[in-house]
N, C-alpha and C. Protein backbone atom coordinates (compact mmCIF):
# COMPACT_ATOMS: atom_id res chain seq x y z
N MET A 1 -49.94 3.56 -141.54
CA MET A 1 -50.82 4.16 -140.54
C MET A 1 -50.07 4.32 -139.23
N ILE A 2 -50.24 5.49 -138.60
CA ILE A 2 -49.66 5.76 -137.29
C ILE A 2 -50.78 6.11 -136.31
N SER A 3 -50.72 5.57 -135.12
CA SER A 3 -51.58 6.01 -134.02
C SER A 3 -50.68 6.35 -132.84
N ARG A 4 -50.72 7.61 -132.43
CA ARG A 4 -49.94 8.00 -131.26
C ARG A 4 -50.64 7.56 -129.97
N LYS A 5 -51.96 7.51 -129.98
CA LYS A 5 -52.69 7.06 -128.79
C LYS A 5 -52.31 5.63 -128.43
N TYR A 6 -52.26 4.76 -129.46
CA TYR A 6 -51.97 3.35 -129.21
C TYR A 6 -50.52 2.98 -129.49
N ASN A 7 -49.74 3.96 -129.93
CA ASN A 7 -48.30 3.79 -130.10
C ASN A 7 -47.94 2.67 -131.08
N PHE A 8 -48.47 2.76 -132.30
CA PHE A 8 -48.14 1.75 -133.30
C PHE A 8 -47.95 2.37 -134.68
N ILE A 9 -47.27 1.59 -135.54
CA ILE A 9 -47.25 1.82 -136.98
C ILE A 9 -47.73 0.53 -137.64
N PHE A 10 -48.72 0.67 -138.50
CA PHE A 10 -49.25 -0.47 -139.26
C PHE A 10 -48.91 -0.27 -140.73
N GLN A 11 -48.20 -1.22 -141.30
CA GLN A 11 -47.87 -1.17 -142.73
C GLN A 11 -48.89 -2.02 -143.48
N HIS A 12 -49.61 -1.37 -144.37
CA HIS A 12 -50.68 -2.02 -145.14
C HIS A 12 -50.14 -2.52 -146.47
N ILE A 13 -49.85 -3.80 -146.55
CA ILE A 13 -49.40 -4.43 -147.79
C ILE A 13 -50.63 -4.82 -148.60
N PRO A 14 -50.69 -4.48 -149.89
CA PRO A 14 -51.89 -4.75 -150.68
C PRO A 14 -52.32 -6.22 -150.65
N LYS A 15 -53.65 -6.40 -150.57
CA LYS A 15 -54.31 -7.70 -150.62
C LYS A 15 -53.93 -8.61 -149.45
N CYS A 16 -53.72 -7.99 -148.29
CA CYS A 16 -53.43 -8.75 -147.06
C CYS A 16 -54.35 -8.29 -145.93
N ALA A 17 -55.62 -8.03 -146.27
CA ALA A 17 -56.64 -7.59 -145.31
C ALA A 17 -56.32 -6.22 -144.72
N GLY A 18 -55.56 -5.41 -145.43
CA GLY A 18 -55.20 -4.10 -144.92
C GLY A 18 -56.37 -3.15 -144.78
N ILE A 19 -57.35 -3.23 -145.70
CA ILE A 19 -58.52 -2.36 -145.61
C ILE A 19 -59.29 -2.65 -144.34
N SER A 20 -59.41 -3.92 -143.99
CA SER A 20 -60.08 -4.29 -142.74
C SER A 20 -59.36 -3.67 -141.55
N GLY A 21 -58.03 -3.75 -141.56
CA GLY A 21 -57.24 -3.18 -140.48
C GLY A 21 -57.37 -1.67 -140.41
N LEU A 22 -57.27 -1.00 -141.57
CA LEU A 22 -57.41 0.46 -141.61
C LEU A 22 -58.76 0.88 -141.06
N ASN A 23 -59.82 0.22 -141.54
CA ASN A 23 -61.17 0.59 -141.11
C ASN A 23 -61.37 0.34 -139.61
N PHE A 24 -60.78 -0.72 -139.10
CA PHE A 24 -60.87 -1.02 -137.67
C PHE A 24 -60.33 0.15 -136.85
N PHE A 25 -59.15 0.64 -137.19
CA PHE A 25 -58.52 1.69 -136.40
C PHE A 25 -59.14 3.06 -136.66
N ILE A 26 -59.58 3.31 -137.89
CA ILE A 26 -60.27 4.58 -138.16
C ILE A 26 -61.55 4.67 -137.34
N LYS A 27 -62.32 3.59 -137.34
CA LYS A 27 -63.56 3.57 -136.56
C LYS A 27 -63.27 3.70 -135.07
N LEU A 28 -62.26 3.00 -134.60
CA LEU A 28 -61.90 3.04 -133.18
C LEU A 28 -61.54 4.46 -132.76
N HIS A 29 -60.77 5.16 -133.57
CA HIS A 29 -60.35 6.52 -133.22
C HIS A 29 -61.52 7.50 -133.26
N HIS A 30 -62.43 7.29 -134.17
CA HIS A 30 -63.63 8.13 -134.19
C HIS A 30 -64.45 7.93 -132.93
N ILE A 31 -64.63 6.66 -132.55
CA ILE A 31 -65.42 6.34 -131.36
C ILE A 31 -64.80 7.00 -130.13
N GLU A 32 -63.49 6.99 -130.06
CA GLU A 32 -62.80 7.56 -128.90
C GLU A 32 -62.48 9.05 -129.07
N GLU A 33 -62.97 9.61 -130.19
CA GLU A 33 -62.83 11.04 -130.45
C GLU A 33 -61.36 11.50 -130.42
N CYS A 34 -60.51 10.70 -131.04
CA CYS A 34 -59.10 11.09 -131.13
C CYS A 34 -58.60 10.91 -132.56
N ILE A 35 -59.48 11.16 -133.55
CA ILE A 35 -59.13 10.96 -134.95
C ILE A 35 -57.94 11.83 -135.35
N GLY A 36 -57.76 13.00 -134.71
CA GLY A 36 -56.62 13.84 -135.04
C GLY A 36 -55.30 13.20 -134.65
N ASP A 37 -55.38 12.16 -133.83
CA ASP A 37 -54.19 11.45 -133.38
C ASP A 37 -53.75 10.41 -134.41
N LEU A 38 -54.59 10.15 -135.40
CA LEU A 38 -54.35 9.07 -136.36
C LEU A 38 -53.87 9.65 -137.69
N MET A 39 -52.78 9.09 -138.21
CA MET A 39 -52.28 9.46 -139.53
C MET A 39 -52.30 8.23 -140.40
N TYR A 40 -52.94 8.33 -141.57
CA TYR A 40 -52.97 7.15 -142.42
C TYR A 40 -52.93 7.51 -143.90
N ASP A 41 -52.12 6.75 -144.59
CA ASP A 41 -52.03 6.79 -146.04
C ASP A 41 -51.96 5.31 -146.41
N PRO A 42 -52.86 4.82 -147.27
CA PRO A 42 -53.06 3.37 -147.40
C PRO A 42 -51.81 2.51 -147.50
N HIS A 43 -50.81 2.94 -148.27
CA HIS A 43 -49.69 2.02 -148.50
C HIS A 43 -48.33 2.61 -148.18
N ASN A 44 -48.25 3.49 -147.19
CA ASN A 44 -46.94 3.94 -146.74
C ASN A 44 -46.17 2.77 -146.12
N THR A 45 -44.87 2.77 -146.31
CA THR A 45 -44.04 1.67 -145.84
C THR A 45 -43.38 1.99 -144.50
N PHE A 46 -42.88 0.95 -143.84
CA PHE A 46 -42.09 1.16 -142.63
C PHE A 46 -40.88 2.06 -142.93
N SER A 47 -40.28 1.86 -144.09
CA SER A 47 -39.11 2.67 -144.45
C SER A 47 -39.46 4.15 -144.52
N PHE A 48 -40.64 4.45 -145.05
CA PHE A 48 -41.10 5.84 -145.11
C PHE A 48 -41.23 6.43 -143.71
N TYR A 49 -41.89 5.68 -142.82
CA TYR A 49 -42.09 6.18 -141.46
C TYR A 49 -40.77 6.31 -140.70
N LYS A 50 -39.87 5.37 -140.95
CA LYS A 50 -38.57 5.42 -140.28
C LYS A 50 -37.81 6.68 -140.66
N LEU A 51 -37.89 7.06 -141.93
CA LEU A 51 -37.20 8.25 -142.41
C LEU A 51 -37.87 9.53 -141.91
N LYS A 52 -39.21 9.55 -141.90
CA LYS A 52 -39.94 10.77 -141.57
C LYS A 52 -40.09 10.97 -140.06
N PHE A 53 -40.26 9.86 -139.31
CA PHE A 53 -40.48 9.96 -137.86
C PHE A 53 -39.53 9.01 -137.12
N PRO A 54 -38.22 9.25 -137.19
CA PRO A 54 -37.26 8.26 -136.67
C PRO A 54 -37.41 7.95 -135.19
N GLU A 55 -37.66 8.95 -134.36
CA GLU A 55 -37.77 8.70 -132.92
C GLU A 55 -39.03 7.91 -132.61
N TYR A 56 -40.12 8.26 -133.25
CA TYR A 56 -41.37 7.53 -133.02
C TYR A 56 -41.24 6.09 -133.52
N TYR A 57 -40.65 5.95 -134.69
CA TYR A 57 -40.46 4.62 -135.28
C TYR A 57 -39.68 3.72 -134.32
N GLU A 58 -38.67 4.25 -133.71
CA GLU A 58 -37.79 3.47 -132.84
C GLU A 58 -38.53 2.88 -131.66
N ASN A 59 -39.53 3.57 -131.15
CA ASN A 59 -40.14 3.20 -129.87
C ASN A 59 -41.56 2.66 -129.96
N CYS A 60 -42.13 2.58 -131.16
CA CYS A 60 -43.51 2.13 -131.26
C CYS A 60 -43.58 0.66 -131.66
N PHE A 61 -44.79 0.10 -131.59
CA PHE A 61 -45.06 -1.28 -132.00
C PHE A 61 -45.34 -1.29 -133.50
N LYS A 62 -44.54 -2.02 -134.25
CA LYS A 62 -44.63 -2.04 -135.71
C LYS A 62 -45.15 -3.41 -136.17
N PHE A 63 -46.26 -3.39 -136.92
CA PHE A 63 -46.82 -4.67 -137.37
C PHE A 63 -47.36 -4.57 -138.79
N THR A 64 -47.46 -5.73 -139.42
CA THR A 64 -48.01 -5.84 -140.77
C THR A 64 -48.59 -7.23 -140.94
N PHE A 65 -49.19 -7.49 -142.11
CA PHE A 65 -49.73 -8.82 -142.41
C PHE A 65 -49.20 -9.29 -143.76
N VAL A 66 -49.00 -10.60 -143.87
CA VAL A 66 -48.60 -11.23 -145.12
C VAL A 66 -49.64 -12.28 -145.49
N ARG A 67 -49.50 -12.82 -146.71
CA ARG A 67 -50.49 -13.77 -147.24
C ARG A 67 -49.81 -14.75 -148.16
N ASN A 68 -50.36 -15.93 -148.26
CA ASN A 68 -49.84 -16.92 -149.21
C ASN A 68 -49.72 -16.26 -150.59
N PRO A 69 -48.52 -16.21 -151.17
CA PRO A 69 -48.34 -15.48 -152.43
C PRO A 69 -49.23 -15.96 -153.57
N TRP A 70 -49.46 -17.27 -153.68
CA TRP A 70 -50.33 -17.76 -154.76
C TRP A 70 -51.75 -17.22 -154.59
N ASP A 71 -52.22 -17.16 -153.36
CA ASP A 71 -53.55 -16.62 -153.07
C ASP A 71 -53.58 -15.11 -153.27
N ARG A 72 -52.54 -14.44 -152.83
CA ARG A 72 -52.46 -12.98 -152.95
C ARG A 72 -52.50 -12.55 -154.42
N VAL A 73 -51.81 -13.28 -155.28
CA VAL A 73 -51.78 -12.95 -156.70
C VAL A 73 -53.18 -13.05 -157.30
N VAL A 74 -53.92 -14.08 -156.94
CA VAL A 74 -55.29 -14.23 -157.44
C VAL A 74 -56.16 -13.08 -156.94
N SER A 75 -56.03 -12.74 -155.67
CA SER A 75 -56.80 -11.65 -155.11
C SER A 75 -56.50 -10.34 -155.82
N LEU A 76 -55.23 -10.10 -156.10
CA LEU A 76 -54.83 -8.90 -156.83
C LEU A 76 -55.44 -8.88 -158.23
N TYR A 77 -55.37 -10.00 -158.92
CA TYR A 77 -55.92 -10.10 -160.28
C TYR A 77 -57.41 -9.77 -160.29
N GLU A 78 -58.17 -10.38 -159.39
CA GLU A 78 -59.61 -10.16 -159.35
C GLU A 78 -59.95 -8.74 -158.91
N PHE A 79 -59.18 -8.19 -157.99
CA PHE A 79 -59.43 -6.82 -157.53
C PHE A 79 -59.20 -5.83 -158.67
N ARG A 80 -58.11 -5.97 -159.38
CA ARG A 80 -57.82 -5.04 -160.47
C ARG A 80 -58.86 -5.14 -161.57
N LYS A 81 -59.30 -6.35 -161.87
CA LYS A 81 -60.34 -6.52 -162.90
C LYS A 81 -61.64 -5.85 -162.46
N GLN A 82 -61.98 -5.99 -161.19
CA GLN A 82 -63.17 -5.35 -160.65
C GLN A 82 -63.07 -3.83 -160.75
N GLU A 83 -61.89 -3.29 -160.40
CA GLU A 83 -61.68 -1.85 -160.48
C GLU A 83 -61.71 -1.36 -161.92
N ALA A 84 -61.15 -2.14 -162.85
CA ALA A 84 -61.16 -1.75 -164.26
C ALA A 84 -62.58 -1.69 -164.80
N ASN A 85 -63.44 -2.57 -164.33
CA ASN A 85 -64.85 -2.55 -164.74
C ASN A 85 -65.54 -1.27 -164.30
N LYS A 86 -65.03 -0.64 -163.24
CA LYS A 86 -65.57 0.64 -162.76
C LYS A 86 -64.90 1.82 -163.46
N GLY A 87 -63.88 1.53 -164.28
CA GLY A 87 -63.12 2.60 -164.92
C GLY A 87 -62.00 3.14 -164.06
N THR A 88 -61.68 2.44 -162.96
CA THR A 88 -60.63 2.88 -162.05
C THR A 88 -59.28 2.35 -162.50
N HIS A 89 -58.26 3.20 -162.47
CA HIS A 89 -56.92 2.80 -162.90
C HIS A 89 -55.88 3.51 -162.05
N ARG A 90 -54.77 2.83 -161.79
CA ARG A 90 -53.64 3.43 -161.07
C ARG A 90 -52.41 3.38 -161.96
N LYS A 91 -51.52 4.33 -161.77
CA LYS A 91 -50.45 4.55 -162.74
C LYS A 91 -49.50 3.38 -162.89
N THR A 92 -49.34 2.54 -161.85
CA THR A 92 -48.42 1.41 -161.96
C THR A 92 -49.11 0.15 -162.50
N TRP A 93 -50.42 0.21 -162.76
CA TRP A 93 -51.14 -0.96 -163.26
C TRP A 93 -51.03 -1.05 -164.78
N PRO A 94 -51.23 -2.24 -165.34
CA PRO A 94 -51.40 -2.34 -166.79
C PRO A 94 -52.59 -1.49 -167.24
N THR A 95 -52.76 -1.34 -168.54
CA THR A 95 -53.86 -0.52 -169.06
C THR A 95 -55.21 -1.16 -168.72
N ILE A 96 -56.26 -0.34 -168.74
CA ILE A 96 -57.60 -0.87 -168.47
C ILE A 96 -57.98 -1.95 -169.48
N PRO A 97 -57.72 -1.79 -170.80
CA PRO A 97 -58.03 -2.89 -171.72
C PRO A 97 -57.32 -4.20 -171.35
N GLU A 98 -56.06 -4.10 -170.92
CA GLU A 98 -55.36 -5.31 -170.48
C GLU A 98 -56.03 -5.91 -169.26
N LEU A 99 -56.36 -5.07 -168.29
CA LEU A 99 -56.98 -5.57 -167.07
C LEU A 99 -58.31 -6.25 -167.36
N LEU A 100 -59.05 -5.71 -168.32
CA LEU A 100 -60.36 -6.27 -168.63
C LEU A 100 -60.27 -7.53 -169.49
N ASN A 101 -59.29 -7.57 -170.38
CA ASN A 101 -59.26 -8.64 -171.38
C ASN A 101 -58.28 -9.76 -171.09
N ASP A 102 -57.23 -9.50 -170.33
CA ASP A 102 -56.23 -10.54 -170.08
C ASP A 102 -56.76 -11.60 -169.13
N SER A 103 -56.48 -12.84 -169.45
CA SER A 103 -56.80 -13.94 -168.54
C SER A 103 -55.79 -13.94 -167.39
N PHE A 104 -56.07 -14.75 -166.38
CA PHE A 104 -55.12 -14.88 -165.28
C PHE A 104 -53.77 -15.36 -165.81
N GLU A 105 -53.78 -16.33 -166.71
CA GLU A 105 -52.54 -16.85 -167.28
C GLU A 105 -51.79 -15.76 -168.04
N ASP A 106 -52.52 -14.94 -168.82
CA ASP A 106 -51.89 -13.83 -169.53
C ASP A 106 -51.14 -12.90 -168.56
N THR A 107 -51.81 -12.58 -167.47
CA THR A 107 -51.24 -11.65 -166.49
C THR A 107 -49.96 -12.20 -165.89
N ILE A 108 -49.97 -13.48 -165.50
CA ILE A 108 -48.79 -14.08 -164.89
C ILE A 108 -47.63 -14.14 -165.89
N LYS A 109 -47.91 -14.51 -167.11
CA LYS A 109 -46.86 -14.61 -168.13
C LYS A 109 -46.30 -13.23 -168.48
N LYS A 110 -47.16 -12.22 -168.54
CA LYS A 110 -46.69 -10.87 -168.81
C LYS A 110 -45.79 -10.38 -167.69
N SER A 111 -46.13 -10.74 -166.46
CA SER A 111 -45.29 -10.38 -165.33
C SER A 111 -43.90 -10.98 -165.46
N ALA A 112 -43.83 -12.22 -165.91
CA ALA A 112 -42.55 -12.91 -166.05
C ALA A 112 -41.69 -12.28 -167.14
N ARG A 113 -42.34 -11.71 -168.18
CA ARG A 113 -41.60 -11.12 -169.30
C ARG A 113 -41.37 -9.62 -169.14
N ASN A 114 -42.02 -9.02 -168.17
CA ASN A 114 -42.03 -7.56 -168.05
C ASN A 114 -40.64 -6.98 -167.75
N THR A 115 -40.25 -5.96 -168.51
CA THR A 115 -38.98 -5.28 -168.28
C THR A 115 -39.18 -3.79 -167.96
N ASN A 116 -40.44 -3.39 -167.82
CA ASN A 116 -40.77 -1.99 -167.53
C ASN A 116 -41.02 -1.84 -166.03
N PRO A 117 -40.10 -1.23 -165.28
CA PRO A 117 -40.27 -1.12 -163.82
C PRO A 117 -41.42 -0.22 -163.41
N GLU A 118 -41.96 0.56 -164.34
CA GLU A 118 -43.07 1.46 -164.00
C GLU A 118 -44.42 0.78 -164.08
N ILE A 119 -44.47 -0.41 -164.63
CA ILE A 119 -45.72 -1.18 -164.72
C ILE A 119 -45.56 -2.46 -163.90
N LEU A 120 -46.49 -2.67 -162.98
CA LEU A 120 -46.44 -3.85 -162.12
C LEU A 120 -47.63 -4.76 -162.43
N TYR A 121 -47.34 -5.86 -163.12
CA TYR A 121 -48.39 -6.84 -163.35
C TYR A 121 -48.72 -7.58 -162.05
N LEU A 122 -47.73 -7.72 -161.19
CA LEU A 122 -47.92 -8.30 -159.86
C LEU A 122 -47.28 -7.38 -158.84
N GLU A 123 -47.71 -7.49 -157.58
CA GLU A 123 -47.16 -6.66 -156.52
C GLU A 123 -45.75 -7.11 -156.14
N PRO A 124 -44.93 -6.21 -155.59
CA PRO A 124 -43.61 -6.61 -155.10
C PRO A 124 -43.72 -7.67 -154.01
N ALA A 125 -42.67 -8.47 -153.88
CA ALA A 125 -42.60 -9.45 -152.80
C ALA A 125 -42.55 -8.73 -151.46
N TYR A 126 -42.91 -9.44 -150.39
CA TYR A 126 -42.84 -8.84 -149.05
C TYR A 126 -41.40 -8.50 -148.69
N THR A 127 -40.49 -9.35 -149.11
CA THR A 127 -39.10 -9.26 -148.65
C THR A 127 -38.17 -8.55 -149.64
N ASP A 128 -38.76 -7.82 -150.59
CA ASP A 128 -37.88 -7.07 -151.48
C ASP A 128 -37.55 -5.72 -150.84
N ASN A 129 -36.91 -4.84 -151.57
CA ASN A 129 -36.46 -3.58 -151.00
C ASN A 129 -37.57 -2.55 -150.84
N TYR A 130 -38.79 -2.91 -151.23
CA TYR A 130 -39.89 -1.96 -151.07
C TYR A 130 -40.63 -2.17 -149.76
N TRP A 131 -41.14 -3.34 -149.52
CA TRP A 131 -41.94 -3.56 -148.31
C TRP A 131 -41.09 -3.85 -147.07
N MET A 132 -40.26 -4.87 -147.13
CA MET A 132 -39.49 -5.23 -145.93
C MET A 132 -38.08 -5.67 -146.27
N PRO A 133 -37.21 -4.71 -146.59
CA PRO A 133 -35.80 -5.08 -146.74
C PRO A 133 -35.28 -5.66 -145.42
N LYS A 134 -34.13 -6.27 -145.45
CA LYS A 134 -33.64 -7.04 -144.30
C LYS A 134 -33.64 -6.25 -143.00
N GLU A 135 -33.16 -5.01 -143.04
CA GLU A 135 -33.08 -4.24 -141.80
C GLU A 135 -34.47 -3.92 -141.25
N ILE A 136 -35.43 -3.68 -142.14
CA ILE A 136 -36.80 -3.40 -141.71
C ILE A 136 -37.45 -4.66 -141.17
N LEU A 137 -37.19 -5.77 -141.80
CA LEU A 137 -37.74 -7.05 -141.35
C LEU A 137 -37.32 -7.34 -139.91
N LYS A 138 -36.07 -7.05 -139.60
CA LYS A 138 -35.54 -7.29 -138.25
C LYS A 138 -36.19 -6.37 -137.22
N GLU A 139 -36.61 -5.20 -137.65
CA GLU A 139 -37.16 -4.20 -136.73
C GLU A 139 -38.68 -4.31 -136.56
N THR A 140 -39.31 -5.14 -137.36
CA THR A 140 -40.77 -5.30 -137.29
C THR A 140 -41.12 -6.17 -136.09
N ASN A 141 -42.03 -5.68 -135.25
CA ASN A 141 -42.36 -6.38 -134.01
C ASN A 141 -43.27 -7.58 -134.21
N PHE A 142 -44.16 -7.48 -135.20
CA PHE A 142 -45.10 -8.59 -135.40
C PHE A 142 -45.53 -8.65 -136.86
N ILE A 143 -45.47 -9.85 -137.42
CA ILE A 143 -45.95 -10.09 -138.79
C ILE A 143 -47.07 -11.10 -138.70
N GLY A 144 -48.29 -10.62 -138.87
CA GLY A 144 -49.46 -11.49 -138.83
C GLY A 144 -49.68 -12.15 -140.18
N ARG A 145 -50.58 -13.10 -140.19
CA ARG A 145 -50.90 -13.83 -141.42
C ARG A 145 -52.38 -13.64 -141.77
N PHE A 146 -52.63 -13.36 -143.01
CA PHE A 146 -54.00 -13.23 -143.51
C PHE A 146 -54.81 -14.47 -143.14
N GLU A 147 -54.19 -15.63 -143.24
CA GLU A 147 -54.90 -16.89 -143.00
C GLU A 147 -55.31 -17.05 -141.54
N ASP A 148 -54.65 -16.34 -140.65
CA ASP A 148 -54.95 -16.41 -139.21
C ASP A 148 -55.31 -15.03 -138.67
N ILE A 149 -56.01 -14.24 -139.47
CA ILE A 149 -56.17 -12.83 -139.13
C ILE A 149 -56.94 -12.61 -137.84
N VAL A 150 -57.95 -13.42 -137.55
CA VAL A 150 -58.72 -13.23 -136.32
C VAL A 150 -57.84 -13.47 -135.10
N ARG A 151 -57.12 -14.59 -135.11
CA ARG A 151 -56.22 -14.89 -134.00
C ARG A 151 -55.12 -13.84 -133.86
N ASP A 152 -54.52 -13.47 -134.98
CA ASP A 152 -53.39 -12.53 -134.93
C ASP A 152 -53.85 -11.13 -134.56
N PHE A 153 -55.04 -10.74 -135.00
CA PHE A 153 -55.54 -9.43 -134.63
C PHE A 153 -55.92 -9.39 -133.15
N ASP A 154 -56.36 -10.50 -132.61
CA ASP A 154 -56.61 -10.56 -131.16
C ASP A 154 -55.31 -10.31 -130.40
N TYR A 155 -54.21 -10.84 -130.90
CA TYR A 155 -52.91 -10.60 -130.26
C TYR A 155 -52.53 -9.12 -130.33
N ILE A 156 -52.77 -8.50 -131.49
CA ILE A 156 -52.46 -7.08 -131.65
C ILE A 156 -53.29 -6.25 -130.68
N LYS A 157 -54.57 -6.57 -130.54
CA LYS A 157 -55.42 -5.84 -129.58
C LYS A 157 -54.89 -6.01 -128.16
N TYR A 158 -54.42 -7.19 -127.84
CA TYR A 158 -53.86 -7.43 -126.50
C TYR A 158 -52.62 -6.56 -126.27
N VAL A 159 -51.72 -6.55 -127.24
CA VAL A 159 -50.48 -5.77 -127.11
C VAL A 159 -50.78 -4.28 -126.99
N LEU A 160 -51.77 -3.80 -127.76
CA LEU A 160 -52.08 -2.37 -127.78
C LEU A 160 -53.11 -1.97 -126.73
N ASP A 161 -53.55 -2.94 -125.94
CA ASP A 161 -54.52 -2.67 -124.87
C ASP A 161 -55.82 -2.10 -125.42
N ILE A 162 -56.34 -2.76 -126.45
CA ILE A 162 -57.63 -2.41 -127.05
C ILE A 162 -58.67 -3.41 -126.55
N ASP A 163 -59.85 -2.93 -126.28
CA ASP A 163 -60.95 -3.77 -125.80
C ASP A 163 -61.06 -5.03 -126.67
N PRO A 164 -60.92 -6.22 -126.09
CA PRO A 164 -60.98 -7.45 -126.88
C PRO A 164 -62.33 -7.70 -127.53
N ASP A 165 -63.38 -7.05 -127.04
CA ASP A 165 -64.72 -7.22 -127.62
C ASP A 165 -64.91 -6.37 -128.88
N TYR A 166 -63.99 -5.45 -129.12
CA TYR A 166 -64.08 -4.62 -130.32
C TYR A 166 -63.58 -5.44 -131.51
N GLN A 167 -64.48 -5.74 -132.45
CA GLN A 167 -64.20 -6.76 -133.46
C GLN A 167 -63.74 -6.19 -134.80
N LEU A 168 -62.85 -6.94 -135.42
CA LEU A 168 -62.41 -6.66 -136.78
C LEU A 168 -63.49 -7.13 -137.75
N THR A 169 -63.81 -6.32 -138.75
CA THR A 169 -64.73 -6.73 -139.80
C THR A 169 -63.94 -7.10 -141.05
N HIS A 170 -64.53 -7.91 -141.89
CA HIS A 170 -63.85 -8.35 -143.12
C HIS A 170 -64.38 -7.53 -144.29
N ASP A 171 -63.60 -6.54 -144.69
CA ASP A 171 -64.02 -5.60 -145.71
C ASP A 171 -63.29 -5.86 -147.03
N ASN A 172 -63.92 -5.37 -148.12
CA ASN A 172 -63.29 -5.40 -149.44
C ASN A 172 -63.08 -6.82 -149.97
N GLN A 173 -63.95 -7.75 -149.57
CA GLN A 173 -63.81 -9.13 -150.03
C GLN A 173 -64.41 -9.30 -151.43
N ILE A 174 -63.82 -10.19 -152.20
CA ILE A 174 -64.33 -10.52 -153.52
C ILE A 174 -64.64 -12.02 -153.56
N LYS A 175 -65.85 -12.38 -153.96
CA LYS A 175 -66.21 -13.79 -154.05
C LYS A 175 -65.55 -14.41 -155.28
N ARG A 176 -64.89 -15.53 -155.09
CA ARG A 176 -64.19 -16.20 -156.19
C ARG A 176 -63.92 -17.64 -155.83
N LYS A 177 -63.37 -18.37 -156.79
CA LYS A 177 -62.99 -19.77 -156.57
C LYS A 177 -61.75 -19.84 -155.67
N HIS A 178 -61.47 -21.03 -155.16
CA HIS A 178 -60.23 -21.23 -154.43
C HIS A 178 -59.06 -20.91 -155.35
N TYR A 179 -58.04 -20.26 -154.81
CA TYR A 179 -56.95 -19.78 -155.66
C TYR A 179 -56.29 -20.87 -156.49
N SER A 180 -56.24 -22.12 -155.97
CA SER A 180 -55.55 -23.19 -156.69
C SER A 180 -56.20 -23.48 -158.05
N GLU A 181 -57.48 -23.15 -158.20
CA GLU A 181 -58.19 -23.43 -159.44
C GLU A 181 -57.79 -22.48 -160.57
N TYR A 182 -57.07 -21.43 -160.26
CA TYR A 182 -56.64 -20.47 -161.28
C TYR A 182 -55.35 -20.91 -161.99
N TYR A 183 -54.63 -21.84 -161.40
CA TYR A 183 -53.26 -22.12 -161.84
C TYR A 183 -53.14 -23.35 -162.70
N ASN A 184 -52.13 -23.31 -163.58
CA ASN A 184 -51.61 -24.51 -164.22
C ASN A 184 -50.16 -24.67 -163.75
N ASP A 185 -49.48 -25.69 -164.21
CA ASP A 185 -48.12 -25.93 -163.72
C ASP A 185 -47.18 -24.77 -164.02
N GLU A 186 -47.35 -24.15 -165.20
CA GLU A 186 -46.45 -23.06 -165.59
C GLU A 186 -46.66 -21.82 -164.72
N THR A 187 -47.91 -21.40 -164.55
CA THR A 187 -48.17 -20.18 -163.77
C THR A 187 -47.86 -20.39 -162.29
N ARG A 188 -48.11 -21.60 -161.82
CA ARG A 188 -47.76 -21.91 -160.42
C ARG A 188 -46.25 -21.75 -160.21
N LYS A 189 -45.46 -22.22 -161.20
CA LYS A 189 -44.00 -22.13 -161.09
C LYS A 189 -43.52 -20.69 -161.18
N ILE A 190 -44.13 -19.89 -162.06
CA ILE A 190 -43.73 -18.49 -162.20
C ILE A 190 -43.91 -17.74 -160.88
N VAL A 191 -45.05 -17.93 -160.23
CA VAL A 191 -45.32 -17.27 -158.95
C VAL A 191 -44.36 -17.78 -157.87
N ALA A 192 -44.10 -19.09 -157.88
CA ALA A 192 -43.16 -19.66 -156.90
C ALA A 192 -41.78 -19.04 -157.04
N GLU A 193 -41.34 -18.80 -158.26
CA GLU A 193 -40.02 -18.21 -158.48
C GLU A 193 -39.99 -16.73 -158.11
N LYS A 194 -41.05 -16.00 -158.45
CA LYS A 194 -41.10 -14.56 -158.15
C LYS A 194 -41.09 -14.32 -156.65
N TYR A 195 -41.81 -15.15 -155.91
CA TYR A 195 -41.96 -14.94 -154.46
C TYR A 195 -41.23 -16.01 -153.65
N ALA A 196 -40.14 -16.50 -154.19
CA ALA A 196 -39.42 -17.62 -153.56
C ALA A 196 -38.97 -17.30 -152.13
N THR A 197 -38.45 -16.10 -151.90
CA THR A 197 -37.98 -15.74 -150.56
C THR A 197 -39.14 -15.66 -149.59
N ASP A 198 -40.23 -15.06 -150.01
CA ASP A 198 -41.43 -14.99 -149.16
C ASP A 198 -41.91 -16.38 -148.77
N ILE A 199 -41.97 -17.25 -149.77
CA ILE A 199 -42.47 -18.61 -149.55
C ILE A 199 -41.58 -19.35 -148.55
N GLN A 200 -40.29 -19.19 -148.71
CA GLN A 200 -39.35 -19.87 -147.81
C GLN A 200 -39.40 -19.27 -146.41
N LEU A 201 -39.38 -17.95 -146.32
CA LEU A 201 -39.32 -17.28 -145.02
C LEU A 201 -40.56 -17.54 -144.18
N PHE A 202 -41.74 -17.51 -144.81
CA PHE A 202 -42.98 -17.65 -144.05
C PHE A 202 -43.60 -19.05 -144.14
N GLY A 203 -42.91 -19.95 -144.85
CA GLY A 203 -43.34 -21.35 -144.87
C GLY A 203 -44.60 -21.63 -145.64
N TYR A 204 -44.88 -20.82 -146.66
CA TYR A 204 -46.11 -21.03 -147.43
C TYR A 204 -45.97 -22.17 -148.42
N LYS A 205 -47.07 -22.85 -148.69
CA LYS A 205 -47.12 -23.92 -149.67
C LYS A 205 -48.34 -23.73 -150.58
N PHE A 206 -48.27 -24.32 -151.75
CA PHE A 206 -49.42 -24.29 -152.65
C PHE A 206 -50.40 -25.37 -152.20
N GLU A 207 -51.62 -24.95 -151.86
CA GLU A 207 -52.62 -25.90 -151.34
C GLU A 207 -53.70 -26.12 -152.38
N ASN A 208 -54.03 -27.38 -152.62
CA ASN A 208 -55.09 -27.71 -153.59
C ASN A 208 -56.47 -27.64 -152.92
């Protein structure tokens, strides 16, 4: 997402409260009657914007949000299952029968064995070459945390000079158990290995 009025690029990483962020800024631009100033495509990356709008990229405020990987994986699993129940499917997802029938453990184990780069049982890590390769990570002005989204979004509003009383809403939530209840020792280890760099860089731990 790009806003020229507020001079920012927001990278929406899946299952990190991105829908809430997108809706916040879409509503804000409508209220201020400057929607034509806003460009948004749900999951465009910083790398995409850097290539397409290099001068703007260089001078704007760039921010994104991350989330505890063990929690993010559970959120992704439940979201895809919910979408499959509606008949919704995306080309990089497993088949709808898999989404509907596979247990959480099945999904994690299939991810560990998967050799098909066109099918993603789990989302890419934050720090891989898709979301935030090293050079992009260095250029990102602020990385908020899903776990502290209210506090971190207040900081973003301060930096962008947005009315502090204008509130973020929590959209696209799915009611479920605490993420730790989905795991056994094997699946916990698989996720820890897949997202090892993320876990180390952002200091995440598995919480019971």
